[in-house]
Amino acid sequence: WIALYQEGVNRKFIELRERLPSWGEAVDSQVQQYLESIGMLGERVGHDSWDWECEHYFGKDGLKVKDGAPVILLSKKNE
């Protein structure tokens, strides 16, 4: 579901960006540059990549799982 959610967020970002008014070439250029940098936050270069690349969630197999490898579920530890 997270991929669908992210897709919706990206669509909404693009839609709202396209509806912005113009403030003149100089300001428009700066606004465009700012929005491009914010838009990068939604790309996989940020938090999503970290989730796969760190060992916190999937151990050393994060990138394999990202590419479709099965996730091995472990039984609960005895307390």
N, C-alpha and C. Protein backbone atom coordinates (compact mmCIF):
# COMPACT_ATOMS: atom_id res chain seq x y z
N TRP A 1 0.81 -1.19 0.00
CA TRP A 1 0.00 0.00 0.00
C TRP A 1 0.85 1.25 0.00
N ILE A 2 2.05 1.16 0.56
CA ILE A 2 2.90 2.36 0.65
C ILE A 2 3.29 2.88 -0.73
N ALA A 3 3.49 1.96 -1.68
CA ALA A 3 3.85 2.39 -3.04
C ALA A 3 2.70 3.16 -3.67
N LEU A 4 1.47 2.69 -3.46
CA LEU A 4 0.29 3.39 -3.99
C LEU A 4 0.12 4.75 -3.32
N TYR A 5 0.35 4.79 -2.02
CA TYR A 5 0.25 6.05 -1.30
C TYR A 5 1.27 7.06 -1.83
N GLN A 6 2.52 6.60 -1.99
CA GLN A 6 3.58 7.48 -2.49
C GLN A 6 3.26 7.97 -3.89
N GLU A 7 2.71 7.09 -4.71
CA GLU A 7 2.32 7.47 -6.07
C GLU A 7 1.28 8.58 -6.03
N GLY A 8 0.31 8.46 -5.13
CA GLY A 8 -0.71 9.50 -4.98
C GLY A 8 -0.13 10.82 -4.52
N VAL A 9 0.80 10.76 -3.57
CA VAL A 9 1.46 11.97 -3.08
C VAL A 9 2.22 12.65 -4.21
N ASN A 10 2.94 11.84 -5.00
CA ASN A 10 3.70 12.40 -6.13
C ASN A 10 2.78 13.06 -7.14
N ARG A 11 1.66 12.39 -7.46
CA ARG A 11 0.69 12.96 -8.42
C ARG A 11 0.15 14.29 -7.91
N LYS A 12 -0.21 14.33 -6.63
CA LYS A 12 -0.76 15.55 -6.04
C LYS A 12 0.28 16.68 -6.06
N PHE A 13 1.52 16.36 -5.76
CA PHE A 13 2.60 17.35 -5.79
C PHE A 13 2.73 17.96 -7.18
N ILE A 14 2.75 17.11 -8.20
CA ILE A 14 2.89 17.59 -9.58
C ILE A 14 1.68 18.43 -9.98
N GLU A 15 0.49 17.96 -9.60
CA GLU A 15 -0.74 18.69 -9.94
C GLU A 15 -0.74 20.08 -9.32
N LEU A 16 -0.39 20.17 -8.05
CA LEU A 16 -0.37 21.47 -7.38
C LEU A 16 0.74 22.37 -7.91
N ARG A 17 1.88 21.78 -8.25
CA ARG A 17 2.99 22.56 -8.81
C ARG A 17 2.58 23.20 -10.13
N GLU A 18 1.83 22.45 -10.94
CA GLU A 18 1.40 22.96 -12.24
C GLU A 18 0.36 24.08 -12.12
N ARG A 19 -0.32 24.17 -10.98
CA ARG A 19 -1.35 25.18 -10.78
C ARG A 19 -0.81 26.46 -10.14
N LEU A 20 0.47 26.51 -9.86
CA LEU A 20 1.03 27.71 -9.24
C LEU A 20 0.93 28.91 -10.18
N PRO A 21 0.67 30.09 -9.62
CA PRO A 21 0.66 31.29 -10.45
C PRO A 21 2.09 31.68 -10.82
N SER A 22 2.20 32.65 -11.69
CA SER A 22 3.51 33.17 -12.08
C SER A 22 3.79 34.45 -11.31
N TRP A 23 5.03 34.58 -10.85
CA TRP A 23 5.46 35.78 -10.16
C TRP A 23 6.55 36.50 -10.94
N GLY A 24 6.69 36.17 -12.21
CA GLY A 24 7.74 36.73 -13.04
C GLY A 24 8.88 35.72 -13.18
N GLU A 25 9.67 35.90 -14.24
CA GLU A 25 10.71 34.91 -14.57
C GLU A 25 11.70 34.67 -13.45
N ALA A 26 12.16 35.72 -12.81
CA ALA A 26 13.19 35.57 -11.78
C ALA A 26 12.67 34.75 -10.60
N VAL A 27 11.49 35.10 -10.11
CA VAL A 27 10.91 34.39 -8.97
C VAL A 27 10.48 32.99 -9.39
N ASP A 28 9.86 32.86 -10.56
CA ASP A 28 9.43 31.55 -11.04
C ASP A 28 10.59 30.56 -11.10
N SER A 29 11.74 31.04 -11.54
CA SER A 29 12.93 30.19 -11.64
C SER A 29 13.36 29.71 -10.25
N GLN A 30 13.33 30.60 -9.28
CA GLN A 30 13.71 30.23 -7.92
C GLN A 30 12.71 29.27 -7.30
N VAL A 31 11.43 29.53 -7.53
CA VAL A 31 10.38 28.65 -7.01
C VAL A 31 10.52 27.26 -7.63
N GLN A 32 10.77 27.20 -8.93
CA GLN A 32 10.93 25.92 -9.61
C GLN A 32 12.11 25.14 -9.03
N GLN A 33 13.22 25.83 -8.80
CA GLN A 33 14.41 25.18 -8.23
C GLN A 33 14.10 24.64 -6.83
N TYR A 34 13.40 25.43 -6.03
CA TYR A 34 13.03 25.01 -4.68
C TYR A 34 12.12 23.79 -4.71
N LEU A 35 11.11 23.82 -5.58
CA LEU A 35 10.17 22.71 -5.66
C LEU A 35 10.84 21.44 -6.17
N GLU A 36 11.80 21.56 -7.07
CA GLU A 36 12.53 20.39 -7.54
C GLU A 36 13.30 19.75 -6.39
N SER A 37 13.88 20.57 -5.52
CA SER A 37 14.62 20.01 -4.38
C SER A 37 13.67 19.34 -3.40
N ILE A 38 12.50 19.91 -3.18
CA ILE A 38 11.51 19.28 -2.31
C ILE A 38 11.00 18.00 -2.95
N GLY A 39 10.77 18.02 -4.24
CA GLY A 39 10.28 16.85 -4.95
C GLY A 39 11.22 15.67 -4.84
N MET A 40 12.51 15.95 -4.72
CA MET A 40 13.48 14.86 -4.57
C MET A 40 13.28 14.09 -3.28
N LEU A 41 12.66 14.72 -2.29
CA LEU A 41 12.41 14.02 -1.03
C LEU A 41 11.49 12.83 -1.24
N GLY A 42 10.63 12.90 -2.24
CA GLY A 42 9.72 11.80 -2.53
C GLY A 42 10.35 10.71 -3.36
N GLU A 43 11.52 10.94 -3.87
CA GLU A 43 12.20 9.94 -4.69
C GLU A 43 12.86 8.91 -3.80
N ARG A 44 13.26 7.82 -4.40
CA ARG A 44 13.87 6.74 -3.62
C ARG A 44 15.29 7.04 -3.17
N VAL A 45 15.78 8.22 -3.48
CA VAL A 45 17.12 8.57 -3.02
C VAL A 45 17.13 8.93 -1.55
N GLY A 46 15.97 9.07 -0.95
CA GLY A 46 15.89 9.48 0.44
C GLY A 46 15.57 8.35 1.38
N HIS A 47 14.54 8.57 2.15
CA HIS A 47 14.18 7.66 3.23
C HIS A 47 13.89 6.25 2.74
N ASP A 48 13.20 6.12 1.62
CA ASP A 48 12.89 4.78 1.11
C ASP A 48 14.14 3.97 0.85
N SER A 49 15.14 4.59 0.27
CA SER A 49 16.39 3.87 0.00
C SER A 49 17.04 3.43 1.30
N TRP A 50 16.99 4.28 2.28
CA TRP A 50 17.60 3.94 3.56
C TRP A 50 16.93 2.70 4.15
N ASP A 51 15.60 2.62 4.05
CA ASP A 51 14.88 1.46 4.58
C ASP A 51 15.40 0.15 4.00
N TRP A 52 15.70 0.14 2.72
CA TRP A 52 16.17 -1.08 2.06
C TRP A 52 17.64 -1.33 2.32
N GLU A 53 18.43 -0.28 2.40
CA GLU A 53 19.88 -0.43 2.47
C GLU A 53 20.41 -0.65 3.88
N CYS A 54 19.70 -0.16 4.89
CA CYS A 54 20.17 -0.40 6.25
C CYS A 54 19.81 -1.84 6.63
N GLU A 55 20.39 -2.34 7.69
CA GLU A 55 20.14 -3.72 8.09
C GLU A 55 19.03 -3.81 9.14
N HIS A 56 18.42 -2.69 9.48
CA HIS A 56 17.43 -2.66 10.55
C HIS A 56 16.20 -3.53 10.25
N TYR A 57 15.69 -3.49 9.04
CA TYR A 57 14.45 -4.18 8.72
C TYR A 57 14.64 -5.57 8.13
N PHE A 58 15.57 -5.73 7.23
CA PHE A 58 15.72 -6.99 6.50
C PHE A 58 17.11 -7.59 6.62
N GLY A 59 17.89 -7.12 7.56
CA GLY A 59 19.25 -7.62 7.70
C GLY A 59 20.06 -7.27 6.46
N LYS A 60 20.91 -8.17 6.06
CA LYS A 60 21.77 -7.93 4.89
C LYS A 60 21.03 -8.16 3.57
N ASP A 61 19.76 -8.58 3.63
CA ASP A 61 19.01 -8.93 2.43
C ASP A 61 18.08 -7.82 1.94
N GLY A 62 18.20 -6.62 2.46
CA GLY A 62 17.29 -5.53 2.12
C GLY A 62 17.14 -5.28 0.63
N LEU A 63 18.25 -5.19 -0.09
CA LEU A 63 18.17 -4.91 -1.53
C LEU A 63 17.60 -6.10 -2.29
N LYS A 64 17.86 -7.31 -1.81
CA LYS A 64 17.26 -8.50 -2.44
C LYS A 64 15.75 -8.49 -2.25
N VAL A 65 15.31 -8.15 -1.05
CA VAL A 65 13.87 -8.08 -0.77
C VAL A 65 13.23 -6.99 -1.63
N LYS A 66 13.90 -5.87 -1.75
CA LYS A 66 13.40 -4.78 -2.60
C LYS A 66 13.18 -5.26 -4.03
N ASP A 67 14.07 -6.11 -4.50
CA ASP A 67 13.97 -6.63 -5.87
C ASP A 67 13.01 -7.81 -5.98
N GLY A 68 12.32 -8.17 -4.89
CA GLY A 68 11.29 -9.19 -4.97
C GLY A 68 11.62 -10.51 -4.29
N ALA A 69 12.74 -10.59 -3.61
CA ALA A 69 13.07 -11.83 -2.91
C ALA A 69 12.08 -12.04 -1.76
N PRO A 70 11.80 -13.29 -1.43
CA PRO A 70 10.86 -13.55 -0.32
C PRO A 70 11.45 -13.10 1.01
N VAL A 71 10.57 -12.73 1.92
CA VAL A 71 10.97 -12.34 3.27
C VAL A 71 10.81 -13.55 4.17
N ILE A 72 11.85 -13.91 4.87
CA ILE A 72 11.80 -15.03 5.79
C ILE A 72 11.26 -14.53 7.12
N LEU A 73 10.12 -15.09 7.54
CA LEU A 73 9.53 -14.70 8.82
C LEU A 73 10.05 -15.64 9.90
N LEU A 74 10.51 -15.07 10.98
CA LEU A 74 11.03 -15.85 12.09
C LEU A 74 9.96 -16.01 13.16
N SER A 75 10.03 -17.09 13.91
CA SER A 75 9.08 -17.27 15.00
C SER A 75 9.44 -16.32 16.13
N LYS A 76 8.47 -16.07 17.01
CA LYS A 76 8.72 -15.18 18.14
C LYS A 76 9.76 -15.80 19.06
N LYS A 77 10.56 -14.95 19.66
CA LYS A 77 11.54 -15.42 20.63
C LYS A 77 10.82 -15.80 21.92
N ASN A 78 11.28 -16.84 22.56
CA ASN A 78 10.71 -17.21 23.86
C ASN A 78 11.18 -16.21 24.90
N GLU A 79 10.27 -15.79 25.73
CA GLU A 79 10.62 -14.80 26.75
C GLU A 79 11.09 -15.46 28.01
